[in-house]
Amino acid sequence: MLYYFDASRNYNPEPQLEKISAPLTAINSADDAINPPELKIIDRDIERVKNGKFVLLPISDETRGHGTHSLPAIWGNHLAELLERSK
């Protein structure tokens, strides 16, 4: 876990968000403690991505906070929609 956190601690795509031209879907879970939606960072930044969309998954019995990223049954429909937009 220390390696994972260290590898991402200086990552900041924010300065170049306008350069993203491909369709992009950012998904977060409402119970994510690592990227807490209460900070509303993505709400502001997704507006800078030309073909960007943000999805906030509501807390449910199936979500697992940040670990929800490993549960495609929860967000797979949003991936299918992204692939459709990417044709």
PDB file of N, CA and C in Angstrom:
ATOM      1  N   MET A   1       0.814  -1.190   0.000  1.00  0.00           N
ATOM      2  CA  MET A   1       0.000   0.000   0.000  1.00  0.00           C
ATOM      3  C   MET A   1       0.864   1.263   0.000  1.00  0.00           C
ATOM      4  N   LEU A   2       1.970   1.216   0.716  1.00  0.00           N
ATOM      5  CA  LEU A   2       2.847   2.388   0.740  1.00  0.00           C
ATOM      6  C   LEU A   2       3.355   2.717  -0.657  1.00  0.00           C
ATOM      7  N   TYR A   3       3.708   1.697  -1.433  1.00  0.00           N
ATOM      8  CA  TYR A   3       4.162   1.927  -2.801  1.00  0.00           C
ATOM      9  C   TYR A   3       3.051   2.581  -3.622  1.00  0.00           C
ATOM     10  N   TYR A   4       1.822   2.058  -3.515  1.00  0.00           N
ATOM     11  CA  TYR A   4       0.708   2.608  -4.284  1.00  0.00           C
ATOM     12  C   TYR A   4       0.491   4.087  -3.976  1.00  0.00           C
ATOM     13  N   PHE A   5       0.476   4.414  -2.701  1.00  0.00           N
ATOM     14  CA  PHE A   5       0.272   5.807  -2.320  1.00  0.00           C
ATOM     15  C   PHE A   5       1.429   6.685  -2.781  1.00  0.00           C
ATOM     16  N   ASP A   6       2.662   6.198  -2.629  1.00  0.00           N
ATOM     17  CA  ASP A   6       3.823   6.981  -3.028  1.00  0.00           C
ATOM     18  C   ASP A   6       3.839   7.213  -4.537  1.00  0.00           C
ATOM     19  N   ALA A   7       3.435   6.199  -5.306  1.00  0.00           N
ATOM     20  CA  ALA A   7       3.449   6.316  -6.762  1.00  0.00           C
ATOM     21  C   ALA A   7       2.460   7.355  -7.262  1.00  0.00           C
ATOM     22  N   SER A   8       1.420   7.622  -6.522  1.00  0.00           N
ATOM     23  CA  SER A   8       0.398   8.554  -7.002  1.00  0.00           C
ATOM     24  C   SER A   8       0.381   9.900  -6.277  1.00  0.00           C
ATOM     25  N   ARG A   9       1.200  10.071  -5.289  1.00  0.00           N
ATOM     26  CA  ARG A   9       1.074  11.285  -4.473  1.00  0.00           C
ATOM     27  C   ARG A   9       1.431  12.570  -5.209  1.00  0.00           C
ATOM     28  N   ASN A  10       2.248  12.511  -6.248  1.00  0.00           N
ATOM     29  CA  ASN A  10       2.606  13.717  -7.000  1.00  0.00           C
ATOM     30  C   ASN A  10       1.879  13.814  -8.339  1.00  0.00           C
ATOM     31  N   TYR A  11       0.964  12.895  -8.601  1.00  0.00           N
ATOM     32  CA  TYR A  11       0.228  12.901  -9.867  1.00  0.00           C
ATOM     33  C   TYR A  11      -0.839  13.988  -9.833  1.00  0.00           C
ATOM     34  N   ASN A  12      -0.816  14.868 -10.821  1.00  0.00           N
ATOM     35  CA  ASN A  12      -1.785  15.950 -10.876  1.00  0.00           C
ATOM     36  C   ASN A  12      -2.111  16.276 -12.339  1.00  0.00           C
ATOM     37  N   PRO A  13      -3.190  15.735 -12.863  1.00  0.00           N
ATOM     38  CA  PRO A  13      -3.542  16.026 -14.257  1.00  0.00           C
ATOM     39  C   PRO A  13      -4.186  17.400 -14.447  1.00  0.00           C
ATOM     40  N   GLU A  14      -4.522  18.081 -13.353  1.00  0.00           N
ATOM     41  CA  GLU A  14      -5.304  19.312 -13.421  1.00  0.00           C
ATOM     42  C   GLU A  14      -4.741  20.384 -14.370  1.00  0.00           C
ATOM     43  N   PRO A  15      -3.433  20.639 -14.402  1.00  0.00           N
ATOM     44  CA  PRO A  15      -2.940  21.723 -15.263  1.00  0.00           C
ATOM     45  C   PRO A  15      -3.198  21.526 -16.759  1.00  0.00           C
ATOM     46  N   GLN A  16      -3.456  20.288 -17.200  1.00  0.00           N
ATOM     47  CA  GLN A  16      -3.590  20.042 -18.634  1.00  0.00           C
ATOM     48  C   GLN A  16      -4.918  19.385 -19.009  1.00  0.00           C
ATOM     49  N   LEU A  17      -5.941  19.573 -18.214  1.00  0.00           N
ATOM     50  CA  LEU A  17      -7.232  18.936 -18.486  1.00  0.00           C
ATOM     51  C   LEU A  17      -7.820  19.341 -19.836  1.00  0.00           C
ATOM     52  N   GLU A  18      -7.588  20.562 -20.261  1.00  0.00           N
ATOM     53  CA  GLU A  18      -8.131  21.019 -21.543  1.00  0.00           C
ATOM     54  C   GLU A  18      -7.553  20.251 -22.725  1.00  0.00           C
ATOM     55  N   LYS A  19      -6.417  19.604 -22.550  1.00  0.00           N
ATOM     56  CA  LYS A  19      -5.796  18.844 -23.636  1.00  0.00           C
ATOM     57  C   LYS A  19      -6.462  17.491 -23.876  1.00  0.00           C
ATOM     58  N   ILE A  20      -7.290  17.045 -22.969  1.00  0.00           N
ATOM     59  CA  ILE A  20      -7.963  15.759 -23.133  1.00  0.00           C
ATOM     60  C   ILE A  20      -9.084  15.934 -24.150  1.00  0.00           C
ATOM     61  N   SER A  21      -8.982  15.209 -25.269  1.00  0.00           N
ATOM     62  CA  SER A  21     -10.005  15.331 -26.306  1.00  0.00           C
ATOM     63  C   SER A  21     -10.840  14.065 -26.455  1.00  0.00           C
ATOM     64  N   ALA A  22     -10.346  12.954 -25.987  1.00  0.00           N
ATOM     65  CA  ALA A  22     -11.103  11.700 -26.066  1.00  0.00           C
ATOM     66  C   ALA A  22     -12.239  11.712 -25.053  1.00  0.00           C
ATOM     67  N   PRO A  23     -13.323  11.008 -25.340  1.00  0.00           N
ATOM     68  CA  PRO A  23     -14.382  10.898 -24.334  1.00  0.00           C
ATOM     69  C   PRO A  23     -13.813  10.348 -23.025  1.00  0.00           C
ATOM     70  N   LEU A  24     -14.248  10.916 -21.933  1.00  0.00           N
ATOM     71  CA  LEU A  24     -13.744  10.524 -20.627  1.00  0.00           C
ATOM     72  C   LEU A  24     -14.911  10.456 -19.650  1.00  0.00           C
ATOM     73  N   THR A  25     -14.955   9.388 -18.889  1.00  0.00           N
ATOM     74  CA  THR A  25     -15.937   9.269 -17.814  1.00  0.00           C
ATOM     75  C   THR A  25     -15.172   9.065 -16.515  1.00  0.00           C
ATOM     76  N   ALA A  26     -15.345   9.973 -15.583  1.00  0.00           N
ATOM     77  CA  ALA A  26     -14.741   9.861 -14.254  1.00  0.00           C
ATOM     78  C   ALA A  26     -15.824   9.334 -13.314  1.00  0.00           C
ATOM     79  N   ILE A  27     -15.518   8.239 -12.624  1.00  0.00           N
ATOM     80  CA  ILE A  27     -16.492   7.617 -11.731  1.00  0.00           C
ATOM     81  C   ILE A  27     -15.918   7.592 -10.328  1.00  0.00           C
ATOM     82  N   ASN A  28     -16.738   7.983  -9.370  1.00  0.00           N
ATOM     83  CA  ASN A  28     -16.342   7.912  -7.969  1.00  0.00           C
ATOM     84  C   ASN A  28     -17.510   7.367  -7.169  1.00  0.00           C
ATOM     85  N   SER A  29     -17.186   6.773  -6.062  1.00  0.00           N
ATOM     86  CA  SER A  29     -18.202   6.252  -5.156  1.00  0.00           C
ATOM     87  C   SER A  29     -18.404   7.258  -4.026  1.00  0.00           C
ATOM     88  N   ALA A  30     -19.635   7.476  -3.635  1.00  0.00           N
ATOM     89  CA  ALA A  30     -19.940   8.465  -2.610  1.00  0.00           C
ATOM     90  C   ALA A  30     -19.295   8.142  -1.266  1.00  0.00           C
ATOM     91  N   ASP A  31     -18.884   6.893  -1.070  1.00  0.00           N
ATOM     92  CA  ASP A  31     -18.239   6.508   0.189  1.00  0.00           C
ATOM     93  C   ASP A  31     -16.725   6.369   0.056  1.00  0.00           C
ATOM     94  N   ASP A  32     -16.140   6.993  -0.966  1.00  0.00           N
ATOM     95  CA  ASP A  32     -14.695   6.922  -1.190  1.00  0.00           C
ATOM     96  C   ASP A  32     -13.972   7.875  -0.232  1.00  0.00           C
ATOM     97  N   ALA A  33     -13.194   7.332   0.681  1.00  0.00           N
ATOM     98  CA  ALA A  33     -12.469   8.155   1.655  1.00  0.00           C
ATOM     99  C   ALA A  33     -11.148   8.680   1.093  1.00  0.00           C
ATOM    100  N   ILE A  34     -10.627   8.061   0.039  1.00  0.00           N
ATOM    101  CA  ILE A  34      -9.365   8.519  -0.549  1.00  0.00           C
ATOM    102  C   ILE A  34      -9.608   9.703  -1.488  1.00  0.00           C
ATOM    103  N   ASN A  35     -10.694   9.647  -2.253  1.00  0.00           N
ATOM    104  CA  ASN A  35     -11.103  10.750  -3.120  1.00  0.00           C
ATOM    105  C   ASN A  35     -12.508  11.183  -2.690  1.00  0.00           C
ATOM    106  N   PRO A  36     -12.624  11.827  -1.547  1.00  0.00           N
ATOM    107  CA  PRO A  36     -13.947  12.154  -1.021  1.00  0.00           C
ATOM    108  C   PRO A  36     -14.706  13.134  -1.913  1.00  0.00           C
ATOM    109  N   PRO A  37     -15.915  12.772  -2.319  1.00  0.00           N
ATOM    110  CA  PRO A  37     -16.683  13.661  -3.197  1.00  0.00           C
ATOM    111  C   PRO A  37     -17.056  14.978  -2.538  1.00  0.00           C
ATOM    112  N   GLU A  38     -17.017  15.039  -1.223  1.00  0.00           N
ATOM    113  CA  GLU A  38     -17.337  16.276  -0.516  1.00  0.00           C
ATOM    114  C   GLU A  38     -16.388  17.426  -0.883  1.00  0.00           C
ATOM    115  N   LEU A  39     -15.191  17.083  -1.360  1.00  0.00           N
ATOM    116  CA  LEU A  39     -14.243  18.124  -1.772  1.00  0.00           C
ATOM    117  C   LEU A  39     -14.669  18.816  -3.065  1.00  0.00           C
ATOM    118  N   LYS A  40     -15.498  18.144  -3.856  1.00  0.00           N
ATOM    119  CA  LYS A  40     -16.054  18.687  -5.099  1.00  0.00           C
ATOM    120  C   LYS A  40     -14.990  19.101  -6.115  1.00  0.00           C
ATOM    121  N   ILE A  41     -13.828  18.468  -6.052  1.00  0.00           N
ATOM    122  CA  ILE A  41     -12.760  18.777  -7.007  1.00  0.00           C
ATOM    123  C   ILE A  41     -13.169  18.365  -8.413  1.00  0.00           C
ATOM    124  N   ILE A  42     -13.676  17.162  -8.563  1.00  0.00           N
ATOM    125  CA  ILE A  42     -14.055  16.683  -9.893  1.00  0.00           C
ATOM    126  C   ILE A  42     -15.232  17.471 -10.462  1.00  0.00           C
ATOM    127  N   ASP A  43     -16.121  17.941  -9.621  1.00  0.00           N
ATOM    128  CA  ASP A  43     -17.269  18.723 -10.102  1.00  0.00           C
ATOM    129  C   ASP A  43     -16.807  19.955 -10.885  1.00  0.00           C
ATOM    130  N   ARG A  44     -15.747  20.560 -10.412  1.00  0.00           N
ATOM    131  CA  ARG A  44     -15.185  21.746 -11.065  1.00  0.00           C
ATOM    132  C   ARG A  44     -14.326  21.347 -12.266  1.00  0.00           C
ATOM    133  N   ASP A  45     -13.462  20.371 -12.074  1.00  0.00           N
ATOM    134  CA  ASP A  45     -12.488  20.021 -13.104  1.00  0.00           C
ATOM    135  C   ASP A  45     -13.086  19.320 -14.317  1.00  0.00           C
ATOM    136  N   ILE A  46     -14.145  18.551 -14.143  1.00  0.00           N
ATOM    137  CA  ILE A  46     -14.708  17.832 -15.292  1.00  0.00           C
ATOM    138  C   ILE A  46     -15.240  18.803 -16.342  1.00  0.00           C
ATOM    139  N   GLU A  47     -15.600  20.007 -15.925  1.00  0.00           N
ATOM    140  CA  GLU A  47     -16.076  21.023 -16.867  1.00  0.00           C
ATOM    141  C   GLU A  47     -14.979  21.448 -17.842  1.00  0.00           C
ATOM    142  N   ARG A  48     -13.738  21.228 -17.487  1.00  0.00           N
ATOM    143  CA  ARG A  48     -12.607  21.616 -18.336  1.00  0.00           C
ATOM    144  C   ARG A  48     -12.263  20.550 -19.365  1.00  0.00           C
ATOM    145  N   VAL A  49     -12.850  19.376 -19.241  1.00  0.00           N
ATOM    146  CA  VAL A  49     -12.593  18.273 -20.174  1.00  0.00           C
ATOM    147  C   VAL A  49     -13.675  18.307 -21.249  1.00  0.00           C
ATOM    148  N   LYS A  50     -13.256  18.500 -22.493  1.00  0.00           N
ATOM    149  CA  LYS A  50     -14.186  18.727 -23.598  1.00  0.00           C
ATOM    150  C   LYS A  50     -15.290  17.673 -23.665  1.00  0.00           C
ATOM    151  N   ASN A  51     -14.957  16.429 -23.604  1.00  0.00           N
ATOM    152  CA  ASN A  51     -15.926  15.329 -23.694  1.00  0.00           C
ATOM    153  C   ASN A  51     -16.004  14.584 -22.375  1.00  0.00           C
ATOM    154  N   GLY A  52     -15.947  15.324 -21.277  1.00  0.00           N
ATOM    155  CA  GLY A  52     -15.914  14.715 -19.958  1.00  0.00           C
ATOM    156  C   GLY A  52     -17.289  14.566 -19.328  1.00  0.00           C
ATOM    157  N   LYS A  53     -17.400  13.541 -18.518  1.00  0.00           N
ATOM    158  CA  LYS A  53     -18.631  13.261 -17.778  1.00  0.00           C
ATOM    159  C   LYS A  53     -18.240  12.721 -16.412  1.00  0.00           C
ATOM    160  N   PHE A  54     -18.949  13.127 -15.385  1.00  0.00           N
ATOM    161  CA  PHE A  54     -18.697  12.640 -14.032  1.00  0.00           C
ATOM    162  C   PHE A  54     -19.903  11.872 -13.523  1.00  0.00           C
ATOM    163  N   VAL A  55     -19.629  10.717 -12.930  1.00  0.00           N
ATOM    164  CA  VAL A  55     -20.674   9.887 -12.333  1.00  0.00           C
ATOM    165  C   VAL A  55     -20.312   9.667 -10.870  1.00  0.00           C
ATOM    166  N   LEU A  56     -21.223  10.009  -9.983  1.00  0.00           N
ATOM    167  CA  LEU A  56     -21.041   9.730  -8.558  1.00  0.00           C
ATOM    168  C   LEU A  56     -21.972   8.579  -8.193  1.00  0.00           C
ATOM    169  N   LEU A  57     -21.370   7.448  -7.869  1.00  0.00           N
ATOM    170  CA  LEU A  57     -22.150   6.276  -7.485  1.00  0.00           C
ATOM    171  C   LEU A  57     -22.656   6.458  -6.058  1.00  0.00           C
ATOM    172  N   PRO A  58     -23.944   6.286  -5.834  1.00  0.00           N
ATOM    173  CA  PRO A  58     -24.458   6.440  -4.473  1.00  0.00           C
ATOM    174  C   PRO A  58     -23.980   5.309  -3.565  1.00  0.00           C
ATOM    175  N   ILE A  59     -23.902   5.578  -2.298  1.00  0.00           N
ATOM    176  CA  ILE A  59     -23.548   4.547  -1.325  1.00  0.00           C
ATOM    177  C   ILE A  59     -24.645   3.491  -1.329  1.00  0.00           C
ATOM    178  N   SER A  60     -24.192   2.242  -1.343  1.00  0.00           N
ATOM    179  CA  SER A  60     -25.148   1.134  -1.302  1.00  0.00           C
ATOM    180  C   SER A  60     -24.513  -0.022  -0.536  1.00  0.00           C
ATOM    181  N   ASP A  61     -25.254  -1.101  -0.414  1.00  0.00           N
ATOM    182  CA  ASP A  61     -24.700  -2.298   0.223  1.00  0.00           C
ATOM    183  C   ASP A  61     -23.588  -2.918  -0.615  1.00  0.00           C
ATOM    184  N   GLU A  62     -23.542  -2.565  -1.911  1.00  0.00           N
ATOM    185  CA  GLU A  62     -22.530  -3.129  -2.810  1.00  0.00           C
ATOM    186  C   GLU A  62     -21.247  -2.302  -2.890  1.00  0.00           C
ATOM    187  N   THR A  63     -21.331  -0.976  -2.646  1.00  0.00           N
ATOM    188  CA  THR A  63     -20.126  -0.154  -2.769  1.00  0.00           C
ATOM    189  C   THR A  63     -19.160  -0.445  -1.625  1.00  0.00           C
ATOM    190  N   ARG A  64     -17.887  -0.226  -1.906  1.00  0.00           N
ATOM    191  CA  ARG A  64     -16.829  -0.492  -0.935  1.00  0.00           C
ATOM    192  C   ARG A  64     -15.846   0.669  -0.870  1.00  0.00           C
ATOM    193  N   GLY A  65     -16.373   1.892  -0.834  1.00  0.00           N
ATOM    194  CA  GLY A  65     -15.483   3.046  -0.783  1.00  0.00           C
ATOM    195  C   GLY A  65     -14.573   3.090  -1.982  1.00  0.00           C
ATOM    196  N   HIS A  66     -13.306   3.376  -1.755  1.00  0.00           N
ATOM    197  CA  HIS A  66     -12.341   3.450  -2.846  1.00  0.00           C
ATOM    198  C   HIS A  66     -12.207   2.110  -3.557  1.00  0.00           C
ATOM    199  N   GLY A  67     -12.456   1.018  -2.848  1.00  0.00           N
ATOM    200  CA  GLY A  67     -12.369  -0.320  -3.432  1.00  0.00           C
ATOM    201  C   GLY A  67     -13.463  -0.629  -4.440  1.00  0.00           C
ATOM    202  N   THR A  68     -14.437   0.252  -4.573  1.00  0.00           N
ATOM    203  CA  THR A  68     -15.502   0.044  -5.558  1.00  0.00           C
ATOM    204  C   THR A  68     -14.932  -0.013  -6.965  1.00  0.00           C
ATOM    205  N   HIS A  69     -13.744   0.561  -7.180  1.00  0.00           N
ATOM    206  CA  HIS A  69     -13.123   0.506  -8.511  1.00  0.00           C
ATOM    207  C   HIS A  69     -12.887  -0.921  -8.968  1.00  0.00           C
ATOM    208  N   SER A  70     -12.851  -1.868  -8.055  1.00  0.00           N
ATOM    209  CA  SER A  70     -12.610  -3.275  -8.395  1.00  0.00           C
ATOM    210  C   SER A  70     -13.907  -4.067  -8.569  1.00  0.00           C
ATOM    211  N   LEU A  71     -15.039  -3.393  -8.626  1.00  0.00           N
ATOM    212  CA  LEU A  71     -16.337  -4.061  -8.711  1.00  0.00           C
ATOM    213  C   LEU A  71     -17.094  -3.614  -9.974  1.00  0.00           C
ATOM    214  N   PRO A  72     -16.726  -4.164 -11.137  1.00  0.00           N
ATOM    215  CA  PRO A  72     -17.340  -3.708 -12.386  1.00  0.00           C
ATOM    216  C   PRO A  72     -18.845  -3.932 -12.464  1.00  0.00           C
ATOM    217  N   ALA A  73     -19.383  -4.805 -11.646  1.00  0.00           N
ATOM    218  CA  ALA A  73     -20.837  -4.986 -11.653  1.00  0.00           C
ATOM    219  C   ALA A  73     -21.544  -3.697 -11.251  1.00  0.00           C
ATOM    220  N   ILE A  74     -20.868  -2.843 -10.516  1.00  0.00           N
ATOM    221  CA  ILE A  74     -21.469  -1.591 -10.040  1.00  0.00           C
ATOM    222  C   ILE A  74     -21.352  -0.474 -11.086  1.00  0.00           C
ATOM    223  N   TRP A  75     -20.223  -0.402 -11.784  1.00  0.00           N
ATOM    224  CA  TRP A  75     -19.993   0.705 -12.710  1.00  0.00           C
ATOM    225  C   TRP A  75     -19.901   0.285 -14.180  1.00  0.00           C
ATOM    226  N   GLY A  76     -20.090  -0.989 -14.458  1.00  0.00           N
ATOM    227  CA  GLY A  76     -19.933  -1.502 -15.825  1.00  0.00           C
ATOM    228  C   GLY A  76     -20.843  -0.846 -16.844  1.00  0.00           C
ATOM    229  N   ASN A  77     -22.047  -0.490 -16.439  1.00  0.00           N
ATOM    230  CA  ASN A  77     -22.955   0.184 -17.377  1.00  0.00           C
ATOM    231  C   ASN A  77     -22.398   1.534 -17.820  1.00  0.00           C
ATOM    232  N   HIS A  78     -21.661   2.204 -16.942  1.00  0.00           N
ATOM    233  CA  HIS A  78     -21.051   3.493 -17.300  1.00  0.00           C
ATOM    234  C   HIS A  78     -19.876   3.278 -18.261  1.00  0.00           C
ATOM    235  N   LEU A  79     -19.174   2.166 -18.113  1.00  0.00           N
ATOM    236  CA  LEU A  79     -18.115   1.822 -19.072  1.00  0.00           C
ATOM    237  C   LEU A  79     -18.725   1.542 -20.439  1.00  0.00           C
ATOM    238  N   ALA A  80     -19.816   0.799 -20.471  1.00  0.00           N
ATOM    239  CA  ALA A  80     -20.479   0.509 -21.743  1.00  0.00           C
ATOM    240  C   ALA A  80     -20.912   1.805 -22.432  1.00  0.00           C
ATOM    241  N   GLU A  81     -21.423   2.753 -21.657  1.00  0.00           N
ATOM    242  CA  GLU A  81     -21.839   4.034 -22.217  1.00  0.00           C
ATOM    243  C   GLU A  81     -20.632   4.815 -22.746  1.00  0.00           C
ATOM    244  N   LEU A  82     -19.518   4.774 -22.030  1.00  0.00           N
ATOM    245  CA  LEU A  82     -18.295   5.431 -22.490  1.00  0.00           C
ATOM    246  C   LEU A  82     -17.814   4.818 -23.796  1.00  0.00           C
ATOM    247  N   LEU A  83     -17.824   3.504 -23.878  1.00  0.00           N
ATOM    248  CA  LEU A  83     -17.395   2.846 -25.123  1.00  0.00           C
ATOM    249  C   LEU A  83     -18.303   3.217 -26.275  1.00  0.00           C
ATOM    250  N   GLU A  84     -19.581   3.349 -26.006  1.00  0.00           N
ATOM    251  CA  GLU A  84     -20.520   3.769 -27.048  1.00  0.00           C
ATOM    252  C   GLU A  84     -20.214   5.202 -27.499  1.00  0.00           C
ATOM    253  N   ARG A  85     -19.923   6.087 -26.576  1.00  0.00           N
ATOM    254  CA  ARG A  85     -19.569   7.473 -26.919  1.00  0.00           C
ATOM    255  C   ARG A  85     -18.249   7.557 -27.658  1.00  0.00           C
ATOM    256  N   SER A  86     -17.404   6.548 -27.504  1.00  0.00           N
ATOM    257  CA  SER A  86     -16.049   6.571 -28.064  1.00  0.00           C
ATOM    258  C   SER A  86     -15.978   6.040 -29.492  1.00  0.00           C
ATOM    259  N   LYS A  87     -17.060   5.614 -30.053  1.00  0.00           N
ATOM    260  CA  LYS A  87     -17.042   5.057 -31.421  1.00  0.00           C
ATOM    261  C   LYS A  87     -16.574   6.084 -32.418  1.00  0.00           C
TER     262      LYS A  87
END
